[in-house]
């Protein structure tokens, strides 16, 4: 029986997202999640975490959604909201981001999760921003002293062509290169591979067997994290992104996440059956 981590990102983003993650956990299809400590449903997520101790909870470091916990002028727009991911990375390339702002915000978010009474099992980041070299370098001093486990975005060594789009292939190559650099710098534990249905072509439709297909791209000895986004259908995200400049992109992603919620809450056909997989949290891996 294969041991895998099934981690749901975006815990605390909003009520619908947070409830969807709990639904999948109660169906024994999610063993781990990562908490956003600066979002509207953070308190709800914290209550769920304390009520469900078998759900491993890490920190979902966030630089691209909502408002920061600290004063970080180089990371926000004129309204005080975090920059969109594309703008953040463009400013990093222009060296227009203060590394001290990244470090202070990372420290503040780590402190906040501890203040909520949660010892994080590991850290990852919203939209994988920690994989960007400029962001990781700013985080590194804090990682060295306070973090023992971290997600690396490392796609499988032997992806099957039918499961990858051309854009995904380019992205996977760049992420693999970044992961190798980070691996040399970070002394803590990491996953060997990261897989997700969201790396499949968006228009192909998903079934429960697709999870087995993406896991099978990895080696049996790999520690694999399956990244999932089981968002419960509802109006929260539509209201959150009502005036967002990339509203349609966000809602298209949400529709995929609603489909993933359907798959991960299926009672009759759960993707990660007990006869094939043993789901663990990061602290158990």
Protein backbone atom coordinates (compact mmCIF):
# COMPACT_ATOMS: atom_id res chain seq x y z
CA UNK A 1 0.00 0.00 0.00
CA UNK A 2 1.44 3.35 -1.03
CA UNK A 3 1.88 6.21 1.47
CA UNK A 4 1.08 9.64 0.06
CA UNK A 5 0.31 13.12 1.34
CA UNK A 6 -2.90 14.64 0.00
CA UNK A 7 -2.71 18.36 0.81
CA UNK A 8 -5.53 20.85 0.25
CA UNK A 9 -4.28 24.39 -0.33
CA UNK A 10 -6.07 27.66 0.60
CA UNK A 11 -7.52 26.68 4.01
CA UNK A 12 -9.11 29.87 5.34
CA UNK A 13 -9.43 31.65 1.98
CA UNK A 14 -13.22 31.93 2.40
CA UNK A 15 -16.01 29.92 4.01
CA UNK A 16 -16.84 27.82 0.92
CA UNK A 17 -13.22 26.84 0.35
CA UNK A 18 -12.67 26.01 4.01
CA UNK A 19 -15.84 23.92 4.21
CA UNK A 20 -14.89 22.06 1.04
CA UNK A 21 -11.54 21.07 2.52
CA UNK A 22 -13.27 19.78 5.65
CA UNK A 23 -15.74 17.81 3.49
CA UNK A 24 -12.87 16.06 1.70
CA UNK A 25 -11.04 15.37 4.97
CA UNK A 26 -14.16 13.85 6.54
CA UNK A 27 -14.42 11.61 3.46
CA UNK A 28 -10.84 10.46 4.23
CA UNK A 29 -9.50 11.91 0.97
CA UNK A 30 -7.43 14.79 2.41
CA UNK A 31 -4.80 14.22 5.11
CA UNK A 32 -3.18 17.65 5.18
CA UNK A 33 -3.95 21.28 4.49
CA UNK A 34 -2.19 24.65 4.55
CA UNK A 35 -3.66 27.68 6.28
CA UNK A 36 -3.84 31.25 4.97
CA UNK A 37 -3.57 33.38 8.12
CA UNK A 38 -4.63 36.72 6.60
CA UNK A 39 -7.92 35.84 4.93
CA UNK A 40 -11.63 36.16 5.76
CA UNK A 41 -12.17 32.57 6.93
CA UNK A 42 -8.94 32.15 8.90
CA UNK A 43 -10.80 31.97 12.22
CA UNK A 44 -13.23 29.37 10.86
CA UNK A 45 -10.30 27.29 9.60
CA UNK A 46 -8.53 27.50 12.96
CA UNK A 47 -11.64 26.21 14.74
CA UNK A 48 -11.85 23.31 12.30
CA UNK A 49 -8.16 22.52 12.78
CA UNK A 50 -8.56 22.30 16.54
CA UNK A 51 -11.69 20.16 16.20
CA UNK A 52 -10.08 17.70 13.76
CA UNK A 53 -6.60 16.85 15.08
CA UNK A 54 -6.03 14.15 12.44
CA UNK A 55 -5.90 16.87 9.78
CA UNK A 56 -2.30 18.04 9.49
CA UNK A 57 -2.09 21.83 9.15
CA UNK A 58 0.82 23.77 7.67
CA UNK A 59 1.30 27.41 6.66
CA UNK A 60 0.22 28.56 3.20
CA UNK A 61 2.57 31.57 2.96
CA UNK A 62 0.72 34.26 1.09
CA UNK A 63 2.07 37.25 -0.83
CA UNK A 64 -0.61 37.54 -3.53
CA UNK A 65 -4.06 37.54 -1.91
CA UNK A 66 -5.75 39.95 0.51
CA UNK A 67 -3.90 42.32 2.83
CA UNK A 68 -0.57 41.74 4.58
CA UNK A 69 -0.16 41.42 8.34
CA UNK A 70 2.70 43.94 8.38
CA UNK A 71 3.71 47.18 6.71
CA UNK A 72 5.33 46.01 3.46
CA UNK A 73 5.06 48.88 0.95
CA UNK A 74 6.92 47.15 -1.88
CA UNK A 75 4.48 44.20 -1.84
CA UNK A 76 1.16 46.06 -2.07
CA UNK A 77 -0.80 48.18 -4.53
CA UNK A 78 -2.25 51.64 -3.92
CA UNK A 79 -5.21 50.15 -2.02
CA UNK A 80 -2.99 48.20 0.38
CA UNK A 81 -3.78 44.82 -1.19
CA UNK A 82 -1.07 42.34 -2.11
CA UNK A 83 0.07 42.55 -5.73
CA UNK A 84 -1.14 39.98 -8.23
CA UNK A 85 1.37 37.19 -8.76
CA UNK A 86 2.44 38.39 -12.20
CA UNK A 87 3.12 41.91 -10.96
CA UNK A 88 4.99 40.61 -7.92
CA UNK A 89 7.32 38.54 -10.11
CA UNK A 90 7.82 41.41 -12.57
CA UNK A 91 8.83 43.70 -9.72
CA UNK A 92 11.17 41.04 -8.40
CA UNK A 93 12.87 40.92 -11.80
CA UNK A 94 13.25 44.71 -11.74
CA UNK A 95 14.58 44.51 -8.17
CA UNK A 96 11.71 46.73 -7.08
CA UNK A 97 10.78 44.46 -4.17
CA UNK A 98 12.42 44.97 -0.78
CA UNK A 99 13.62 41.54 0.46
CA UNK A 100 13.12 42.80 3.98
CA UNK A 101 9.40 43.18 3.28
CA UNK A 102 9.17 39.53 2.24
CA UNK A 103 11.11 38.37 5.29
CA UNK A 104 9.03 40.45 7.72
CA UNK A 105 5.74 39.25 6.27
CA UNK A 106 6.90 35.62 6.34
CA UNK A 107 7.93 35.96 9.98
CA UNK A 108 4.59 37.60 10.82
CA UNK A 109 2.58 34.83 9.16
CA UNK A 110 4.60 32.15 10.93
CA UNK A 111 4.06 33.94 14.23
CA UNK A 112 0.33 34.28 13.56
CA UNK A 113 -0.24 30.57 12.95
CA UNK A 114 1.52 29.80 16.25
CA UNK A 115 -0.64 32.42 17.98
CA UNK A 116 -3.65 30.43 16.79
CA UNK A 117 -2.31 27.44 18.70
CA UNK A 118 -1.18 25.55 15.60
CA UNK A 119 2.33 24.19 15.20
CA UNK A 120 2.63 24.01 11.40
CA UNK A 121 3.52 20.62 9.99
CA UNK A 122 5.27 22.27 7.04
CA UNK A 123 5.11 25.32 4.79
CA UNK A 124 4.17 25.90 1.19
CA UNK A 125 2.94 29.06 -0.51
CA UNK A 126 0.00 30.53 -2.37
CA UNK A 127 0.60 30.23 -6.12
CA UNK A 128 4.04 28.71 -5.38
CA UNK A 129 5.67 32.12 -4.82
CA UNK A 130 8.34 30.60 -2.54
CA UNK A 131 9.78 28.86 -5.59
CA UNK A 132 10.78 32.21 -7.13
CA UNK A 133 14.51 32.72 -6.43
CA UNK A 134 14.11 36.28 -5.10
CA UNK A 135 11.33 35.25 -2.73
CA UNK A 136 13.13 32.15 -1.48
CA UNK A 137 16.35 34.06 -0.79
CA UNK A 138 14.43 36.54 1.36
CA UNK A 139 12.74 33.70 3.26
CA UNK A 140 15.89 31.62 3.74
CA UNK A 141 17.13 33.07 7.07
CA UNK A 142 13.73 32.41 8.66
CA UNK A 143 13.45 28.96 7.09
CA UNK A 144 16.81 27.96 8.53
CA UNK A 145 15.77 28.73 12.09
CA UNK A 146 12.03 27.99 12.17
CA UNK A 147 10.97 25.55 9.42
CA UNK A 148 11.81 21.84 9.20
CA UNK A 149 9.59 20.75 6.28
CA UNK A 150 8.70 22.48 3.03
CA UNK A 151 6.90 21.65 -0.20
CA UNK A 152 8.98 21.76 -3.35
CA UNK A 153 7.24 21.95 -6.71
CA UNK A 154 8.89 18.98 -8.39
CA UNK A 155 6.89 17.38 -11.20
CA UNK A 156 7.46 13.70 -12.02
CA UNK A 157 10.67 12.59 -13.74
CA UNK A 158 8.75 10.60 -16.31
CA UNK A 159 5.57 12.46 -17.20
CA UNK A 160 3.33 10.78 -19.74
CA UNK A 161 2.86 13.03 -22.74
CA UNK A 162 -0.87 12.45 -22.90
CA UNK A 163 -1.27 13.98 -19.44
CA UNK A 164 0.71 17.18 -20.02
CA UNK A 165 -0.05 20.31 -22.01
CA UNK A 166 2.84 22.18 -23.74
CA UNK A 167 2.49 25.08 -21.32
CA UNK A 168 2.60 22.67 -18.38
CA UNK A 169 5.76 21.07 -19.76
CA UNK A 170 7.59 24.41 -19.88
CA UNK A 171 6.37 25.33 -16.40
CA UNK A 172 7.36 21.92 -15.04
CA UNK A 173 10.90 22.30 -16.38
CA UNK A 174 11.38 25.72 -14.79
CA UNK A 175 9.94 24.54 -11.47
CA UNK A 176 12.22 21.49 -11.46
CA UNK A 177 15.25 23.72 -11.95
CA UNK A 178 14.12 25.99 -9.11
CA UNK A 179 13.54 22.98 -6.86
CA UNK A 180 17.08 21.72 -7.42
CA UNK A 181 18.50 25.11 -6.41
CA UNK A 182 16.35 25.28 -3.30
CA UNK A 183 17.20 21.69 -2.34
CA UNK A 184 20.87 22.66 -2.07
CA UNK A 185 20.02 25.59 0.21
CA UNK A 186 17.26 24.22 2.46
CA UNK A 187 18.38 21.74 5.11
CA UNK A 188 14.91 20.49 6.08
CA UNK A 189 12.71 17.71 4.71
CA UNK A 190 10.96 18.03 1.35
CA UNK A 191 8.71 15.96 -0.86
CA UNK A 192 10.26 14.10 -3.80
CA UNK A 193 7.41 14.88 -6.21
CA UNK A 194 4.33 17.08 -6.42
CA UNK A 195 1.40 16.05 -8.61
CA UNK A 196 -2.02 17.59 -9.21
CA UNK A 197 -4.99 17.35 -11.52
CA UNK A 198 -4.55 21.08 -12.09
CA UNK A 199 -1.45 20.30 -14.15
CA UNK A 200 -3.59 18.39 -16.65
CA UNK A 201 -5.12 20.13 -19.68
CA UNK A 202 -8.05 22.13 -18.34
CA UNK A 203 -10.53 21.09 -21.03
CA UNK A 204 -10.16 17.32 -20.83
CA UNK A 205 -12.54 16.68 -17.92
CA UNK A 206 -11.51 14.90 -14.75
CA UNK A 207 -12.43 11.52 -13.26
CA UNK A 208 -11.41 9.81 -10.04
CA UNK A 209 -8.98 7.60 -11.97
CA UNK A 210 -6.95 10.66 -12.98
CA UNK A 211 -5.51 10.82 -9.47
CA UNK A 212 -4.09 7.33 -9.85
CA UNK A 213 -2.77 8.31 -13.28
CA UNK A 214 -0.80 11.31 -11.97
CA UNK A 215 0.53 9.41 -8.94
CA UNK A 216 1.65 6.57 -11.23
CA UNK A 217 3.98 9.01 -13.02
CA UNK A 218 6.21 8.94 -9.92
CA UNK A 219 8.59 6.29 -8.64
CA UNK A 220 7.28 3.89 -5.95
CA UNK A 221 10.00 5.09 -3.55
CA UNK A 222 9.13 8.79 -3.98
CA UNK A 223 7.49 10.76 -1.19
CA UNK A 224 4.62 12.23 -3.21
CA UNK A 225 2.39 15.13 -2.30
CA UNK A 226 -0.89 15.34 -4.19
CA UNK A 227 -1.96 18.99 -4.27
CA UNK A 228 -5.75 19.42 -4.29
CA UNK A 229 -8.24 22.29 -4.17
CA UNK A 230 -11.64 20.85 -3.16
CA UNK A 231 -13.67 24.06 -3.03
CA UNK A 232 -17.30 23.68 -1.98
CA UNK A 233 -19.66 25.27 -4.56
CA UNK A 234 -21.12 28.56 -3.37
CA UNK A 235 -21.15 32.30 -3.90
CA UNK A 236 -18.20 33.29 -1.68
CA UNK A 237 -15.58 33.36 -4.42
CA UNK A 238 -17.82 35.22 -6.86
CA UNK A 239 -18.38 37.89 -4.22
CA UNK A 240 -14.69 38.02 -3.26
CA UNK A 241 -13.60 38.60 -6.84
CA UNK A 242 -16.48 40.83 -7.92
CA UNK A 243 -14.16 43.70 -8.92
CA UNK A 244 -11.01 41.69 -9.48
CA UNK A 245 -9.05 42.50 -12.68
CA UNK A 246 -8.60 38.79 -13.39
CA UNK A 247 -12.07 37.76 -12.20
CA UNK A 248 -12.81 35.39 -15.10
CA UNK A 249 -9.50 33.57 -14.70
CA UNK A 250 -10.15 33.14 -10.99
CA UNK A 251 -13.69 31.87 -11.52
CA UNK A 252 -12.59 29.41 -14.19
CA UNK A 253 -10.10 28.01 -11.68
CA UNK A 254 -12.88 27.90 -9.07
CA UNK A 255 -15.05 25.83 -11.41
CA UNK A 256 -12.24 23.27 -11.67
CA UNK A 257 -11.98 23.25 -7.88
CA UNK A 258 -15.72 22.65 -7.54
CA UNK A 259 -15.29 19.61 -9.78
CA UNK A 260 -12.40 18.42 -7.62
CA UNK A 261 -14.64 18.76 -4.55
CA UNK A 262 -17.17 16.48 -6.24
CA UNK A 263 -14.51 13.84 -6.85
CA UNK A 264 -12.98 14.01 -3.38
CA UNK A 265 -16.31 13.84 -1.57
CA UNK A 266 -17.62 10.89 -3.56
CA UNK A 267 -18.73 8.09 -1.24
CA UNK A 268 -19.19 5.50 -3.99
CA UNK A 269 -15.95 6.14 -5.90
CA UNK A 270 -13.33 7.86 -3.71
CA UNK A 271 -10.05 8.38 -5.60
CA UNK A 272 -7.80 7.36 -2.70
CA UNK A 273 -9.28 4.05 -1.62
CA UNK A 274 -7.95 2.35 1.50
CA UNK A 275 -7.07 -0.72 -0.53
CA UNK A 276 -4.51 1.26 -2.57
CA UNK A 277 -3.30 4.24 -0.52
CA UNK A 278 -2.38 5.14 3.03
CA UNK A 279 -2.83 8.90 3.44
CA UNK A 280 -0.49 10.67 5.86
CA UNK A 281 0.23 14.23 6.93
CA UNK A 282 3.62 15.89 6.52
CA UNK A 283 4.51 15.19 10.16
CA UNK A 284 3.84 11.47 9.61
CA UNK A 285 5.65 11.13 6.28
